[in-house]
């Protein structure tokens, strides 16, 4: 193959020719005038596209966080199920003799089992807000979110709740 630019003079001639052609192109572009209405429409379209791109970028940034939160909540749910099932295997007798054991639901542990086995818990009957139950991860209907629910609770010597079971109203 033959090299087209054999000498420095050929290179400078090519640069001069390119400069001349680019000069003509610049002159033609300066003579073009876009009508104001078209220019405004284009600017608005670009602005809408930029907003849409920002929203898509934001949702892409949130996806890993959402996946992490879902994984964390699923893991927490599995741990709670493990604690509930292991707590239901231990027989806890109520202080009240008015209610038989066969009618009562099992206790739900609010703390790890090791803490339940420390000391002697005391049972008390109380009413708890339904919204508090939702904060523990229990399903609560929105219709009763503002009401209270009867419950028996096992508490330690300081009065901190250890386990709870819901009673029928």
C-alpha atoms as a PDB file:
ATOM      1  CA  UNK A   1       0.000   0.000   0.000  1.00  0.00           C
ATOM      2  CA  UNK A   2       1.121   3.449  -0.772  1.00  0.00           C
ATOM      3  CA  UNK A   3       1.297   5.977   2.060  1.00  0.00           C
ATOM      4  CA  UNK A   4      -0.628   9.143   1.108  1.00  0.00           C
ATOM      5  CA  UNK A   5       1.280  11.446   3.431  1.00  0.00           C
ATOM      6  CA  UNK A   6       4.864  10.885   2.511  1.00  0.00           C
ATOM      7  CA  UNK A   7       6.166  14.346   3.365  1.00  0.00           C
ATOM      8  CA  UNK A   8       5.487  16.990   6.000  1.00  0.00           C
ATOM      9  CA  UNK A   9       4.245  19.254   3.214  1.00  0.00           C
ATOM     10  CA  UNK A  10       1.459  16.763   2.362  1.00  0.00           C
ATOM     11  CA  UNK A  11       0.438  16.720   6.059  1.00  0.00           C
ATOM     12  CA  UNK A  12       0.301  20.506   6.278  1.00  0.00           C
ATOM     13  CA  UNK A  13      -1.732  20.640   3.010  1.00  0.00           C
ATOM     14  CA  UNK A  14      -4.215  18.143   4.513  1.00  0.00           C
ATOM     15  CA  UNK A  15      -4.463  20.212   7.723  1.00  0.00           C
ATOM     16  CA  UNK A  16      -5.065  23.391   5.714  1.00  0.00           C
ATOM     17  CA  UNK A  17      -7.761  21.650   3.655  1.00  0.00           C
ATOM     18  CA  UNK A  18      -9.464  20.387   6.846  1.00  0.00           C
ATOM     19  CA  UNK A  19      -9.301  23.855   8.419  1.00  0.00           C
ATOM     20  CA  UNK A  20     -10.908  25.324   5.312  1.00  0.00           C
ATOM     21  CA  UNK A  21     -13.712  22.710   5.313  1.00  0.00           C
ATOM     22  CA  UNK A  22     -14.366  23.170   9.054  1.00  0.00           C
ATOM     23  CA  UNK A  23     -14.464  26.935   8.536  1.00  0.00           C
ATOM     24  CA  UNK A  24     -17.177  26.526   5.892  1.00  0.00           C
ATOM     25  CA  UNK A  25     -19.137  24.222   8.196  1.00  0.00           C
ATOM     26  CA  UNK A  26     -18.917  26.727  11.094  1.00  0.00           C
ATOM     27  CA  UNK A  27     -20.122  29.529   8.813  1.00  0.00           C
ATOM     28  CA  UNK A  28     -23.105  27.436   7.616  1.00  0.00           C
ATOM     29  CA  UNK A  29     -24.056  26.514  11.201  1.00  0.00           C
ATOM     30  CA  UNK A  30     -23.947  30.160  12.329  1.00  0.00           C
ATOM     31  CA  UNK A  31     -26.358  31.110   9.591  1.00  0.00           C
ATOM     32  CA  UNK A  32     -28.945  28.583  10.750  1.00  0.00           C
ATOM     33  CA  UNK A  33     -31.525  29.986  13.180  1.00  0.00           C
ATOM     34  CA  UNK A  34     -33.918  27.695  15.008  1.00  0.00           C
ATOM     35  CA  UNK A  35     -37.371  29.217  15.572  1.00  0.00           C
ATOM     36  CA  UNK A  36     -37.996  30.129  19.238  1.00  0.00           C
ATOM     37  CA  UNK A  37     -41.007  27.788  19.563  1.00  0.00           C
ATOM     38  CA  UNK A  38     -39.004  24.761  18.397  1.00  0.00           C
ATOM     39  CA  UNK A  39     -36.112  25.705  20.629  1.00  0.00           C
ATOM     40  CA  UNK A  40     -38.445  25.996  23.658  1.00  0.00           C
ATOM     41  CA  UNK A  41     -40.105  22.651  22.847  1.00  0.00           C
ATOM     42  CA  UNK A  42     -36.724  20.943  22.584  1.00  0.00           C
ATOM     43  CA  UNK A  43     -35.547  22.433  25.889  1.00  0.00           C
ATOM     44  CA  UNK A  44     -38.707  21.200  27.638  1.00  0.00           C
ATOM     45  CA  UNK A  45     -38.311  17.717  26.144  1.00  0.00           C
ATOM     46  CA  UNK A  46     -34.685  17.582  27.289  1.00  0.00           C
ATOM     47  CA  UNK A  47     -35.713  18.720  30.802  1.00  0.00           C
ATOM     48  CA  UNK A  48     -38.381  15.970  31.029  1.00  0.00           C
ATOM     49  CA  UNK A  49     -35.894  13.355  29.867  1.00  0.00           C
ATOM     50  CA  UNK A  50     -33.363  14.528  32.438  1.00  0.00           C
ATOM     51  CA  UNK A  51     -35.945  14.232  35.266  1.00  0.00           C
ATOM     52  CA  UNK A  52     -36.874  10.724  34.067  1.00  0.00           C
ATOM     53  CA  UNK A  53     -33.201   9.738  33.949  1.00  0.00           C
ATOM     54  CA  UNK A  54     -32.679  11.035  37.499  1.00  0.00           C
ATOM     55  CA  UNK A  55     -35.662   8.996  38.788  1.00  0.00           C
ATOM     56  CA  UNK A  56     -34.362   5.855  37.100  1.00  0.00           C
ATOM     57  CA  UNK A  57     -30.896   6.418  38.544  1.00  0.00           C
ATOM     58  CA  UNK A  58     -32.387   6.916  42.021  1.00  0.00           C
ATOM     59  CA  UNK A  59     -34.426   3.696  41.787  1.00  0.00           C
ATOM     60  CA  UNK A  60     -31.303   1.812  40.672  1.00  0.00           C
ATOM     61  CA  UNK A  61     -29.452   3.140  43.729  1.00  0.00           C
ATOM     62  CA  UNK A  62     -32.297   2.014  46.049  1.00  0.00           C
ATOM     63  CA  UNK A  63     -32.521  -1.556  44.711  1.00  0.00           C
ATOM     64  CA  UNK A  64     -29.570  -2.921  46.737  1.00  0.00           C
ATOM     65  CA  UNK A  65     -30.945  -1.264  49.891  1.00  0.00           C
ATOM     66  CA  UNK A  66     -34.388  -2.756  49.331  1.00  0.00           C
ATOM     67  CA  UNK A  67     -32.892  -6.206  48.757  1.00  0.00           C
ATOM     68  CA  UNK A  68     -30.902  -5.864  51.967  1.00  0.00           C
ATOM     69  CA  UNK A  69     -33.948  -4.759  53.961  1.00  0.00           C
ATOM     70  CA  UNK A  70     -36.047  -7.615  52.604  1.00  0.00           C
ATOM     71  CA  UNK A  71     -33.306 -10.104  53.445  1.00  0.00           C
ATOM     72  CA  UNK A  72     -32.956  -8.662  56.939  1.00  0.00           C
ATOM     73  CA  UNK A  73     -36.705  -8.728  57.608  1.00  0.00           C
ATOM     74  CA  UNK A  74     -36.979 -12.288  56.291  1.00  0.00           C
ATOM     75  CA  UNK A  75     -34.111 -13.382  58.546  1.00  0.00           C
ATOM     76  CA  UNK A  76     -35.728 -11.661  61.519  1.00  0.00           C
ATOM     77  CA  UNK A  77     -39.007 -13.446  60.763  1.00  0.00           C
ATOM     78  CA  UNK A  78     -37.264 -16.822  60.674  1.00  0.00           C
ATOM     79  CA  UNK A  79     -35.532 -16.092  63.990  1.00  0.00           C
ATOM     80  CA  UNK A  80     -38.866 -15.090  65.536  1.00  0.00           C
ATOM     81  CA  UNK A  81     -40.476 -18.324  64.313  1.00  0.00           C
ATOM     82  CA  UNK A  82     -37.615 -20.309  65.809  1.00  0.00           C
ATOM     83  CA  UNK A  83     -38.019 -18.513  69.131  1.00  0.00           C
ATOM     84  CA  UNK A  84     -41.811 -18.938  69.106  1.00  0.00           C
ATOM     85  CA  UNK A  85     -41.658 -22.660  68.372  1.00  0.00           C
ATOM     86  CA  UNK A  86     -38.955 -23.284  70.964  1.00  0.00           C
ATOM     87  CA  UNK A  87     -40.898 -21.233  73.545  1.00  0.00           C
ATOM     88  CA  UNK A  88     -44.083 -23.187  72.878  1.00  0.00           C
ATOM     89  CA  UNK A  89     -42.284 -26.447  73.770  1.00  0.00           C
ATOM     90  CA  UNK A  90     -41.722 -25.244  77.358  1.00  0.00           C
ATOM     91  CA  UNK A  91     -44.773 -25.546  79.579  1.00  0.00           C
ATOM     92  CA  UNK A  92     -45.354 -22.288  81.459  1.00  0.00           C
ATOM     93  CA  UNK A  93     -48.197 -22.471  83.972  1.00  0.00           C
ATOM     94  CA  UNK A  94     -50.242 -19.370  84.750  1.00  0.00           C
ATOM     95  CA  UNK A  95     -50.687 -18.101  88.316  1.00  0.00           C
ATOM     96  CA  UNK A  96     -54.417 -17.795  87.752  1.00  0.00           C
ATOM     97  CA  UNK A  97     -56.361 -21.022  88.372  1.00  0.00           C
ATOM     98  CA  UNK A  98     -59.494 -19.641  86.683  1.00  0.00           C
ATOM     99  CA  UNK A  99     -58.265 -20.512  83.183  1.00  0.00           C
ATOM    100  CA  UNK A 100     -57.298 -24.040  82.146  1.00  0.00           C
ATOM    101  CA  UNK A 101     -54.091 -24.675  80.163  1.00  0.00           C
ATOM    102  CA  UNK A 102     -55.950 -26.285  77.274  1.00  0.00           C
ATOM    103  CA  UNK A 103     -57.806 -23.031  76.486  1.00  0.00           C
ATOM    104  CA  UNK A 104     -54.739 -20.780  76.475  1.00  0.00           C
ATOM    105  CA  UNK A 105     -52.574 -20.079  73.441  1.00  0.00           C
ATOM    106  CA  UNK A 106     -48.806 -20.536  73.816  1.00  0.00           C
ATOM    107  CA  UNK A 107     -46.511 -17.776  75.000  1.00  0.00           C
ATOM    108  CA  UNK A 108     -44.502 -15.833  72.450  1.00  0.00           C
ATOM    109  CA  UNK A 109     -40.959 -15.135  73.601  1.00  0.00           C
ATOM    110  CA  UNK A 110     -39.943 -11.481  73.418  1.00  0.00           C
ATOM    111  CA  UNK A 111     -36.333 -12.163  74.457  1.00  0.00           C
ATOM    112  CA  UNK A 112     -33.858 -15.008  73.773  1.00  0.00           C
ATOM    113  CA  UNK A 113     -34.603 -18.329  75.512  1.00  0.00           C
ATOM    114  CA  UNK A 114     -31.488 -18.030  77.680  1.00  0.00           C
ATOM    115  CA  UNK A 115     -32.925 -14.915  79.302  1.00  0.00           C
ATOM    116  CA  UNK A 116     -36.270 -16.651  79.855  1.00  0.00           C
ATOM    117  CA  UNK A 117     -34.538 -19.426  81.791  1.00  0.00           C
ATOM    118  CA  UNK A 118     -32.733 -16.931  84.075  1.00  0.00           C
ATOM    119  CA  UNK A 119     -34.468 -16.320  87.384  1.00  0.00           C
ATOM    120  CA  UNK A 120     -38.159 -16.826  88.071  1.00  0.00           C
ATOM    121  CA  UNK A 121     -40.512 -14.862  85.853  1.00  0.00           C
ATOM    122  CA  UNK A 122     -43.772 -13.492  87.225  1.00  0.00           C
ATOM    123  CA  UNK A 123     -47.015 -13.528  85.275  1.00  0.00           C
ATOM    124  CA  UNK A 124     -49.279 -10.521  85.000  1.00  0.00           C
ATOM    125  CA  UNK A 125     -52.396  -9.833  82.978  1.00  0.00           C
ATOM    126  CA  UNK A 126     -52.589  -6.515  81.187  1.00  0.00           C
ATOM    127  CA  UNK A 127     -53.908  -4.716  78.137  1.00  0.00           C
ATOM    128  CA  UNK A 128     -51.434  -3.730  75.439  1.00  0.00           C
ATOM    129  CA  UNK A 129     -51.949  -1.388  72.482  1.00  0.00           C
ATOM    130  CA  UNK A 130     -52.420  -3.214  69.172  1.00  0.00           C
ATOM    131  CA  UNK A 131     -49.892  -0.834  67.606  1.00  0.00           C
ATOM    132  CA  UNK A 132     -47.250  -2.217  70.017  1.00  0.00           C
ATOM    133  CA  UNK A 133     -47.987  -5.715  68.748  1.00  0.00           C
ATOM    134  CA  UNK A 134     -47.374  -4.488  65.194  1.00  0.00           C
ATOM    135  CA  UNK A 135     -43.986  -3.137  66.282  1.00  0.00           C
ATOM    136  CA  UNK A 136     -43.124  -6.680  67.439  1.00  0.00           C
ATOM    137  CA  UNK A 137     -43.871  -7.986  63.945  1.00  0.00           C
ATOM    138  CA  UNK A 138     -47.290  -9.461  64.634  1.00  0.00           C
ATOM    139  CA  UNK A 139     -49.993  -8.953  62.013  1.00  0.00           C
ATOM    140  CA  UNK A 140     -52.472  -6.327  63.213  1.00  0.00           C
ATOM    141  CA  UNK A 141     -55.565  -5.322  61.304  1.00  0.00           C
ATOM    142  CA  UNK A 142     -55.794  -1.558  60.647  1.00  0.00           C
ATOM    143  CA  UNK A 143     -59.339  -1.587  62.113  1.00  0.00           C
ATOM    144  CA  UNK A 144     -58.021  -2.436  65.597  1.00  0.00           C
ATOM    145  CA  UNK A 145     -54.699  -0.557  65.464  1.00  0.00           C
ATOM    146  CA  UNK A 146     -55.959   2.058  67.941  1.00  0.00           C
ATOM    147  CA  UNK A 147     -57.508  -0.442  70.382  1.00  0.00           C
ATOM    148  CA  UNK A 148     -56.018  -2.473  73.216  1.00  0.00           C
ATOM    149  CA  UNK A 149     -55.679  -6.252  73.429  1.00  0.00           C
ATOM    150  CA  UNK A 150     -55.739  -8.384  76.600  1.00  0.00           C
ATOM    151  CA  UNK A 151     -52.542 -10.307  77.204  1.00  0.00           C
ATOM    152  CA  UNK A 152     -50.716 -12.310  79.849  1.00  0.00           C
ATOM    153  CA  UNK A 153     -47.069 -11.401  80.162  1.00  0.00           C
ATOM    154  CA  UNK A 154     -44.114 -12.999  81.876  1.00  0.00           C
ATOM    155  CA  UNK A 155     -41.928 -10.290  83.393  1.00  0.00           C
ATOM    156  CA  UNK A 156     -38.597 -10.421  85.192  1.00  0.00           C
ATOM    157  CA  UNK A 157     -37.833  -8.909  88.622  1.00  0.00           C
ATOM    158  CA  UNK A 158     -37.401  -5.421  87.081  1.00  0.00           C
ATOM    159  CA  UNK A 159     -40.729  -5.653  85.237  1.00  0.00           C
ATOM    160  CA  UNK A 160     -39.261  -6.064  81.728  1.00  0.00           C
ATOM    161  CA  UNK A 161     -41.470  -8.244  79.492  1.00  0.00           C
ATOM    162  CA  UNK A 162     -39.984 -11.654  78.660  1.00  0.00           C
ATOM    163  CA  UNK A 163     -42.882 -13.464  76.956  1.00  0.00           C
ATOM    164  CA  UNK A 164     -46.477 -12.758  76.092  1.00  0.00           C
ATOM    165  CA  UNK A 165     -49.641 -14.507  75.006  1.00  0.00           C
ATOM    166  CA  UNK A 166     -52.797 -12.891  73.723  1.00  0.00           C
ATOM    167  CA  UNK A 167     -56.141 -13.605  75.347  1.00  0.00           C
ATOM    168  CA  UNK A 168     -59.616 -13.432  73.858  1.00  0.00           C
ATOM    169  CA  UNK A 169     -61.555 -10.303  74.780  1.00  0.00           C
END
